C-alpha atoms as a PDB file:
ATOM      1  CA  UNK A   1     212.641  90.290 196.488  1.00  0.00           C
ATOM      2  CA  UNK A   2     214.088  91.962 193.833  1.00  0.00           C
ATOM      3  CA  UNK A   3     217.883  92.654 193.161  1.00  0.00           C
ATOM      4  CA  UNK A   4     220.589  94.418 191.031  1.00  0.00           C
ATOM      5  CA  UNK A   5     220.361  91.223 188.725  1.00  0.00           C
ATOM      6  CA  UNK A   6     216.210  91.756 188.185  1.00  0.00           C
ATOM      7  CA  UNK A   7     217.261  94.598 187.092  1.00  0.00           C
ATOM      8  CA  UNK A   8     219.768  93.952 184.376  1.00  0.00           C
ATOM      9  CA  UNK A   9     217.179  91.233 183.044  1.00  0.00           C
ATOM     10  CA  UNK A  10     214.523  93.415 182.582  1.00  0.00           C
ATOM     11  CA  UNK A  11     216.976  96.063 181.293  1.00  0.00           C
ATOM     12  CA  UNK A  12     217.676  92.899 178.086  1.00  0.00           C
ATOM     13  CA  UNK A  13     213.498  92.485 178.093  1.00  0.00           C
ATOM     14  CA  UNK A  14     213.682  95.886 177.808  1.00  0.00           C
ATOM     15  CA  UNK A  15     216.023  96.431 174.964  1.00  0.00           C
ATOM     16  CA  UNK A  16     216.141  92.266 173.296  1.00  0.00           C
ATOM     17  CA  UNK A  17     211.996  91.888 173.799  1.00  0.00           C
ATOM     18  CA  UNK A  18     209.286  94.634 174.555  1.00  0.00           C
ATOM     19  CA  UNK A  19     208.912  98.294 175.237  1.00  0.00           C
ATOM     20  CA  UNK A  20     205.882  98.641 175.116  1.00  0.00           C
ATOM     21  CA  UNK A  21     203.575  95.867 177.173  1.00  0.00           C
ATOM     22  CA  UNK A  22     204.856  93.934 179.974  1.00  0.00           C
ATOM     23  CA  UNK A  23     204.483  90.146 181.317  1.00  0.00           C
ATOM     24  CA  UNK A  24     203.081  89.982 184.125  1.00  0.00           C
ATOM     25  CA  UNK A  25     206.425  89.703 186.192  1.00  0.00           C
ATOM     26  CA  UNK A  26     208.315  92.681 185.128  1.00  0.00           C
ATOM     27  CA  UNK A  27     204.405  94.120 185.348  1.00  0.00           C
ATOM     28  CA  UNK A  28     205.148  93.565 189.566  1.00  0.00           C
ATOM     29  CA  UNK A  29     208.167  94.542 189.208  1.00  0.00           C
ATOM     30  CA  UNK A  30     207.382  98.169 187.736  1.00  0.00           C
ATOM     31  CA  UNK A  31     205.322  98.183 191.142  1.00  0.00           C
ATOM     32  CA  UNK A  32     208.338  97.701 193.344  1.00  0.00           C
ATOM     33  CA  UNK A  33     210.534 100.674 191.506  1.00  0.00           C
ATOM     34  CA  UNK A  34     207.756 102.924 192.261  1.00  0.00           C
ATOM     35  CA  UNK A  35     206.411 102.266 195.551  1.00  0.00           C
ATOM     36  CA  UNK A  36     210.604 102.802 196.057  1.00  0.00           C
ATOM     37  CA  UNK A  37     210.482 105.710 194.149  1.00  0.00           C
ATOM     38  CA  UNK A  38     207.950 107.220 196.618  1.00  0.00           C
ATOM     39  CA  UNK A  39     210.176 106.505 199.524  1.00  0.00           C
ATOM     40  CA  UNK A  40     212.278 108.742 197.079  1.00  0.00           C
ATOM     41  CA  UNK A  41     210.161 111.782 196.295  1.00  0.00           C
ATOM     42  CA  UNK A  42     211.627 116.128 196.785  1.00  0.00           C
ATOM     43  CA  UNK A  43     210.571 118.856 195.683  1.00  0.00           C
ATOM     44  CA  UNK A  44     211.980 121.188 194.084  1.00  0.00           C
ATOM     45  CA  UNK A  45     210.636 125.424 194.907  1.00  0.00           C
ATOM     46  CA  UNK A  46     209.593 127.721 192.231  1.00  0.00           C
ATOM     47  CA  UNK A  47     212.200 129.791 191.691  1.00  0.00           C
ATOM     48  CA  UNK A  48     215.057 127.596 192.008  1.00  0.00           C
ATOM     49  CA  UNK A  49     218.085 128.091 189.082  1.00  0.00           C
ATOM     50  CA  UNK A  50     219.193 125.663 187.267  1.00  0.00           C
ATOM     51  CA  UNK A  51     221.752 125.538 184.442  1.00  0.00           C
ATOM     52  CA  UNK A  52     222.216 124.271 180.549  1.00  0.00           C
ATOM     53  CA  UNK A  53     224.888 124.751 177.790  1.00  0.00           C
ATOM     54  CA  UNK A  54     225.239 123.541 174.563  1.00  0.00           C
ATOM     55  CA  UNK A  55     228.286 123.702 171.940  1.00  0.00           C
ATOM     56  CA  UNK A  56     228.579 126.186 169.276  1.00  0.00           C
ATOM     57  CA  UNK A  57     226.628 125.514 166.060  1.00  0.00           C
ATOM     58  CA  UNK A  58     229.666 127.099 163.481  1.00  0.00           C
ATOM     59  CA  UNK A  59     229.116 129.490 160.954  1.00  0.00           C
ATOM     60  CA  UNK A  60     227.261 130.664 159.205  1.00  0.00           C
ATOM     61  CA  UNK A  61     226.908 132.453 155.390  1.00  0.00           C
ATOM     62  CA  UNK A  62     224.642 135.810 155.399  1.00  0.00           C
ATOM     63  CA  UNK A  63     222.784 136.295 152.165  1.00  0.00           C
ATOM     64  CA  UNK A  64     225.768 140.006 152.035  1.00  0.00           C
ATOM     65  CA  UNK A  65     228.826 137.596 152.662  1.00  0.00           C
ATOM     66  CA  UNK A  66     229.613 138.276 156.158  1.00  0.00           C
ATOM     67  CA  UNK A  67     230.380 134.386 157.903  1.00  0.00           C
ATOM     68  CA  UNK A  68     229.163 134.975 161.903  1.00  0.00           C
ATOM     69  CA  UNK A  69     228.722 132.343 164.182  1.00  0.00           C
ATOM     70  CA  UNK A  70     225.681 130.600 164.378  1.00  0.00           C
ATOM     71  CA  UNK A  71     223.987 130.787 168.000  1.00  0.00           C
ATOM     72  CA  UNK A  72     221.146 129.442 169.738  1.00  0.00           C
ATOM     73  CA  UNK A  73     217.560 130.324 169.782  1.00  0.00           C
ATOM     74  CA  UNK A  74     215.933 130.500 172.899  1.00  0.00           C
ATOM     75  CA  UNK A  75     213.037 127.980 171.883  1.00  0.00           C
ATOM     76  CA  UNK A  76     216.709 125.746 171.503  1.00  0.00           C
ATOM     77  CA  UNK A  77     217.628 126.574 174.657  1.00  0.00           C
ATOM     78  CA  UNK A  78     214.667 125.629 175.653  1.00  0.00           C
ATOM     79  CA  UNK A  79     214.481 122.324 174.980  1.00  0.00           C
ATOM     80  CA  UNK A  80     210.932 123.158 172.624  1.00  0.00           C
ATOM     81  CA  UNK A  81     211.296 121.221 169.700  1.00  0.00           C
ATOM     82  CA  UNK A  82     209.362 118.598 167.852  1.00  0.00           C
ATOM     83  CA  UNK A  83     212.232 117.086 166.245  1.00  0.00           C
ATOM     84  CA  UNK A  84     213.758 115.645 169.578  1.00  0.00           C
ATOM     85  CA  UNK A  85     216.661 113.352 169.804  1.00  0.00           C
ATOM     86  CA  UNK A  86     216.569 110.345 172.397  1.00  0.00           C
ATOM     87  CA  UNK A  87     218.610 111.051 175.131  1.00  0.00           C
ATOM     88  CA  UNK A  88     218.730 109.799 178.506  1.00  0.00           C
ATOM     89  CA  UNK A  89     214.550 109.877 179.644  1.00  0.00           C
ATOM     90  CA  UNK A  90     213.355 111.490 176.551  1.00  0.00           C
ATOM     91  CA  UNK A  91     212.242 108.917 172.990  1.00  0.00           C
ATOM     92  CA  UNK A  92     212.976 110.531 170.216  1.00  0.00           C
ATOM     93  CA  UNK A  93     210.212 112.873 168.979  1.00  0.00           C
ATOM     94  CA  UNK A  94     209.250 114.176 172.789  1.00  0.00           C
ATOM     95  CA  UNK A  95     211.175 116.849 174.298  1.00  0.00           C
ATOM     96  CA  UNK A  96     212.358 116.861 177.999  1.00  0.00           C
ATOM     97  CA  UNK A  97     214.429 120.128 179.794  1.00  0.00           C
ATOM     98  CA  UNK A  98     217.872 118.644 180.683  1.00  0.00           C
ATOM     99  CA  UNK A  99     219.819 121.098 183.249  1.00  0.00           C
ATOM    100  CA  UNK A 100     222.194 120.806 186.041  1.00  0.00           C
ATOM    101  CA  UNK A 101     222.869 121.980 189.435  1.00  0.00           C
ATOM    102  CA  UNK A 102     225.345 124.545 188.632  1.00  0.00           C
ATOM    103  CA  UNK A 103     227.039 126.157 185.705  1.00  0.00           C
ATOM    104  CA  UNK A 104     230.445 124.338 186.048  1.00  0.00           C
ATOM    105  CA  UNK A 105     228.785 121.117 185.695  1.00  0.00           C
ATOM    106  CA  UNK A 106     226.223 122.045 182.520  1.00  0.00           C
ATOM    107  CA  UNK A 107     229.544 123.122 180.562  1.00  0.00           C
ATOM    108  CA  UNK A 108     230.971 119.539 181.665  1.00  0.00           C
ATOM    109  CA  UNK A 109     228.223 117.578 180.702  1.00  0.00           C
ATOM    110  CA  UNK A 110     228.914 118.018 177.036  1.00  0.00           C
ATOM    111  CA  UNK A 111     231.532 117.678 177.068  1.00  0.00           C
ATOM    112  CA  UNK A 112     233.476 120.690 174.919  1.00  0.00           C
ATOM    113  CA  UNK A 113     237.348 120.527 173.731  1.00  0.00           C
ATOM    114  CA  UNK A 114     239.565 123.209 174.551  1.00  0.00           C
ATOM    115  CA  UNK A 115     238.518 126.642 172.018  1.00  0.00           C
ATOM    116  CA  UNK A 116     234.852 125.308 171.338  1.00  0.00           C
ATOM    117  CA  UNK A 117     232.708 128.540 171.925  1.00  0.00           C
ATOM    118  CA  UNK A 118     230.213 127.106 173.726  1.00  0.00           C
ATOM    119  CA  UNK A 119     226.476 128.575 174.494  1.00  0.00           C
ATOM    120  CA  UNK A 120     224.888 129.091 178.411  1.00  0.00           C
ATOM    121  CA  UNK A 121     221.321 129.876 180.261  1.00  0.00           C
ATOM    122  CA  UNK A 122     220.257 129.700 183.024  1.00  0.00           C
ATOM    123  CA  UNK A 123     216.167 128.846 184.246  1.00  0.00           C
ATOM    124  CA  UNK A 124     213.509 129.326 186.273  1.00  0.00           C
ATOM    125  CA  UNK A 125     211.377 127.143 188.631  1.00  0.00           C
ATOM    126  CA  UNK A 126     207.718 128.955 186.667  1.00  0.00           C
ATOM    127  CA  UNK A 127     206.263 126.275 190.453  1.00  0.00           C
ATOM    128  CA  UNK A 128     206.984 123.620 192.732  1.00  0.00           C
ATOM    129  CA  UNK A 129     207.892 120.428 191.808  1.00  0.00           C
ATOM    130  CA  UNK A 130     207.539 116.734 192.380  1.00  0.00           C
ATOM    131  CA  UNK A 131     210.530 114.902 191.830  1.00  0.00           C
ATOM    132  CA  UNK A 132     212.389 111.424 191.747  1.00  0.00           C
ATOM    133  CA  UNK A 133     215.950 111.596 193.727  1.00  0.00           C
ATOM    134  CA  UNK A 134     217.363 108.844 191.942  1.00  0.00           C
ATOM    135  CA  UNK A 135     219.999 109.229 193.525  1.00  0.00           C
ATOM    136  CA  UNK A 136     218.388 108.329 197.119  1.00  0.00           C
ATOM    137  CA  UNK A 137     218.828 104.947 198.785  1.00  0.00           C
ATOM    138  CA  UNK A 138     221.448 103.522 196.251  1.00  0.00           C
ATOM    139  CA  UNK A 139     224.462 101.628 198.400  1.00  0.00           C
ATOM    140  CA  UNK A 140     228.116 103.134 196.906  1.00  0.00           C
ATOM    141  CA  UNK A 141     229.282 101.138 194.569  1.00  0.00           C
ATOM    142  CA  UNK A 142     232.092  99.303 196.819  1.00  0.00           C
ATOM    143  CA  UNK A 143     229.714  99.065 199.890  1.00  0.00           C
ATOM    144  CA  UNK A 144     227.285  97.048 196.544  1.00  0.00           C
ATOM    145  CA  UNK A 145     230.310  95.261 195.272  1.00  0.00           C
ATOM    146  CA  UNK A 146     230.900  93.902 199.138  1.00  0.00           C
ATOM    147  CA  UNK A 147     227.697  93.712 200.217  1.00  0.00           C
ATOM    148  CA  UNK A 148     226.643  90.388 201.798  1.00  0.00           C
ATOM    149  CA  UNK A 149     223.185  90.555 201.034  1.00  0.00           C
ATOM    150  CA  UNK A 150     223.027  90.984 197.024  1.00  0.00           C
ATOM    151  CA  UNK A 151     219.046  90.289 196.575  1.00  0.00           C
ATOM    152  CA  UNK A 152     218.097  93.866 198.416  1.00  0.00           C
ATOM    153  CA  UNK A 153     215.043  96.525 196.961  1.00  0.00           C
ATOM    154  CA  UNK A 154     218.255  99.221 198.079  1.00  0.00           C
ATOM    155  CA  UNK A 155     220.784  96.725 195.598  1.00  0.00           C
ATOM    156  CA  UNK A 156     217.477  96.874 192.691  1.00  0.00           C
ATOM    157  CA  UNK A 157     217.331 101.233 193.498  1.00  0.00           C
ATOM    158  CA  UNK A 158     221.671 100.754 192.996  1.00  0.00           C
ATOM    159  CA  UNK A 159     221.864  99.862 189.328  1.00  0.00           C
ATOM    160  CA  UNK A 160     218.848 102.127 188.188  1.00  0.00           C
ATOM    161  CA  UNK A 161     221.165 104.741 189.452  1.00  0.00           C
ATOM    162  CA  UNK A 162     224.024 103.402 188.143  1.00  0.00           C
ATOM    163  CA  UNK A 163     222.086 103.040 184.488  1.00  0.00           C
ATOM    164  CA  UNK A 164     221.051 106.889 185.175  1.00  0.00           C
ATOM    165  CA  UNK A 165     224.446 107.577 185.445  1.00  0.00           C
ATOM    166  CA  UNK A 166     226.525 105.462 183.009  1.00  0.00           C
ATOM    167  CA  UNK A 167     228.142 107.235 180.282  1.00  0.00           C
ATOM    168  CA  UNK A 168     226.665 105.704 176.790  1.00  0.00           C
ATOM    169  CA  UNK A 169     227.646 106.137 173.091  1.00  0.00           C
ATOM    170  CA  UNK A 170     226.169 108.199 170.257  1.00  0.00           C
ATOM    171  CA  UNK A 171     226.381 105.184 168.678  1.00  0.00           C
ATOM    172  CA  UNK A 172     224.619 102.598 170.855  1.00  0.00           C
ATOM    173  CA  UNK A 173     221.507 104.554 172.169  1.00  0.00           C
ATOM    174  CA  UNK A 174     218.897 101.610 172.408  1.00  0.00           C
ATOM    175  CA  UNK A 175     221.066 101.509 175.839  1.00  0.00           C
ATOM    176  CA  UNK A 176     219.373 104.742 176.661  1.00  0.00           C
ATOM    177  CA  UNK A 177     216.020 102.436 176.497  1.00  0.00           C
ATOM    178  CA  UNK A 178     215.771 101.022 180.229  1.00  0.00           C
ATOM    179  CA  UNK A 179     216.297 104.347 181.120  1.00  0.00           C
ATOM    180  CA  UNK A 180     213.920 106.429 178.948  1.00  0.00           C
ATOM    181  CA  UNK A 181     211.215 103.365 179.883  1.00  0.00           C
ATOM    182  CA  UNK A 182     212.057 104.237 184.375  1.00  0.00           C
ATOM    183  CA  UNK A 183     210.741 108.071 183.091  1.00  0.00           C
ATOM    184  CA  UNK A 184     207.911 107.935 181.411  1.00  0.00           C
ATOM    185  CA  UNK A 185     206.815 105.332 183.960  1.00  0.00           C
ATOM    186  CA  UNK A 186     207.178 107.818 186.561  1.00  0.00           C
ATOM    187  CA  UNK A 187     205.192 110.999 184.604  1.00  0.00           C
ATOM    188  CA  UNK A 188     202.477 109.130 184.051  1.00  0.00           C
ATOM    189  CA  UNK A 189     203.161 108.423 188.195  1.00  0.00           C
ATOM    190  CA  UNK A 190     202.677 112.308 188.774  1.00  0.00           C
ATOM    191  CA  UNK A 191     206.145 112.856 188.278  1.00  0.00           C
ATOM    192  CA  UNK A 192     207.541 116.267 187.077  1.00  0.00           C
ATOM    193  CA  UNK A 193     210.753 114.831 186.724  1.00  0.00           C
ATOM    194  CA  UNK A 194     213.551 113.154 188.040  1.00  0.00           C
ATOM    195  CA  UNK A 195     217.086 114.585 190.243  1.00  0.00           C
ATOM    196  CA  UNK A 196     220.232 112.367 188.309  1.00  0.00           C
ATOM    197  CA  UNK A 197     224.089 111.856 189.446  1.00  0.00           C
ATOM    198  CA  UNK A 198     226.496 114.122 187.419  1.00  0.00           C
ATOM    199  CA  UNK A 199     228.022 111.538 184.682  1.00  0.00           C
ATOM    200  CA  UNK A 200     230.650 113.594 183.505  1.00  0.00           C
ATOM    201  CA  UNK A 201     231.439 115.785 187.503  1.00  0.00           C
ATOM    202  CA  UNK A 202     231.296 113.702 190.978  1.00  0.00           C
ATOM    203  CA  UNK A 203     228.901 115.476 193.398  1.00  0.00           C
ATOM    204  CA  UNK A 204     227.499 116.879 191.435  1.00  0.00           C
ATOM    205  CA  UNK A 205     223.403 116.446 189.589  1.00  0.00           C
ATOM    206  CA  UNK A 206     221.171 117.134 186.616  1.00  0.00           C
ATOM    207  CA  UNK A 207     217.620 117.655 186.681  1.00  0.00           C
ATOM    208  CA  UNK A 208     215.063 116.091 183.533  1.00  0.00           C
ATOM    209  CA  UNK A 209     211.733 117.655 183.655  1.00  0.00           C
ATOM    210  CA  UNK A 210     209.401 115.893 182.098  1.00  0.00           C
ATOM    211  CA  UNK A 211     207.374 119.419 180.662  1.00  0.00           C
ATOM    212  CA  UNK A 212     210.330 122.223 179.794  1.00  0.00           C
ATOM    213  CA  UNK A 213     207.436 124.920 180.671  1.00  0.00           C
ATOM    214  CA  UNK A 214     208.344 124.469 183.806  1.00  0.00           C
ATOM    215  CA  UNK A 215     211.468 125.917 183.947  1.00  0.00           C
ATOM    216  CA  UNK A 216     211.274 128.803 180.949  1.00  0.00           C
ATOM    217  CA  UNK A 217     214.374 130.630 180.403  1.00  0.00           C
ATOM    218  CA  UNK A 218     215.434 132.375 182.145  1.00  0.00           C
ATOM    219  CA  UNK A 219     218.137 134.717 181.451  1.00  0.00           C
ATOM    220  CA  UNK A 220     220.846 133.982 177.851  1.00  0.00           C
ATOM    221  CA  UNK A 221     224.583 133.652 179.061  1.00  0.00           C
ATOM    222  CA  UNK A 222     225.952 134.483 175.510  1.00  0.00           C
ATOM    223  CA  UNK A 223     228.634 132.489 174.350  1.00  0.00           C
ATOM    224  CA  UNK A 224     231.522 131.832 176.362  1.00  0.00           C
ATOM    225  CA  UNK A 225     235.260 130.234 174.475  1.00  0.00           C
ATOM    226  CA  UNK A 226     236.399 127.423 176.522  1.00  0.00           C
ATOM    227  CA  UNK A 227     240.105 127.758 177.553  1.00  0.00           C
ATOM    228  CA  UNK A 228     241.020 125.102 180.257  1.00  0.00           C
ATOM    229  CA  UNK A 229     239.259 121.620 181.121  1.00  0.00           C
ATOM    230  CA  UNK A 230     240.119 119.848 184.112  1.00  0.00           C
ATOM    231  CA  UNK A 231     239.947 116.093 184.707  1.00  0.00           C
ATOM    232  CA  UNK A 232     239.864 113.684 188.030  1.00  0.00           C
ATOM    233  CA  UNK A 233     241.801 109.865 186.753  1.00  0.00           C
ATOM    234  CA  UNK A 234     238.245 108.010 187.005  1.00  0.00           C
ATOM    235  CA  UNK A 235     240.380 104.723 188.016  1.00  0.00           C
ATOM    236  CA  UNK A 236     242.070 106.369 190.799  1.00  0.00           C
ATOM    237  CA  UNK A 237     238.766 107.651 191.751  1.00  0.00           C
ATOM    238  CA  UNK A 238     237.167 104.249 191.686  1.00  0.00           C
ATOM    239  CA  UNK A 239     240.356 102.075 193.587  1.00  0.00           C
ATOM    240  CA  UNK A 240     240.167 105.183 196.503  1.00  0.00           C
ATOM    241  CA  UNK A 241     236.624 104.216 196.466  1.00  0.00           C
ATOM    242  CA  UNK A 242     237.329 100.995 197.979  1.00  0.00           C
ATOM    243  CA  UNK A 243     239.962 101.619 200.188  1.00  0.00           C
ATOM    244  CA  UNK A 244     237.150 103.336 201.847  1.00  0.00           C
END
């Protein structure tokens, strides 16, 4: 029976030992992960709309000396670049499309400052897609902490869920390796993407699609200036969860 500790050991193995060819022990673990994913399959219908936001690139000077804001092209907003940086699900050089459930979540995910100008676009699914809903079938944080039976597959899945929803510092991209591996595992077993909890906005979700062409850009919503930012007390939120 696998559990959260097995997931942690697997992550350490991928980060510091092997990440392309697994030993027999971890091959069996990935088989179990795929079996669990099967129970968490979900479908998103053609025409479903999602959102994406990007921070301003700053300004540029034209040949005539005019200073203009350097906006994004449709291709840039659509994640079609072959020079993609590594992210939560995609390895460096391979483009996936990261989207959010709604406009507010898309903005929160890029962590803007007051005064920032951001570019917003909406995207629409061109076909019905099959995804893995990471959020499903895992205990909540307090349930995982206080559970008397930590040797359960639910706790293995809890580890995957938490890794997809945990912030990673830009200077430490190797921490993305475990989630990148899981994403590629799903991709190579017939899934089109992953739905996971928003890191920045509780009770909302993000979506990553392995093929950016599955959700063409629907509409460039233009630029908006950030005038107000709302925060919530994460420490207090966690305390409230534990007290329920």
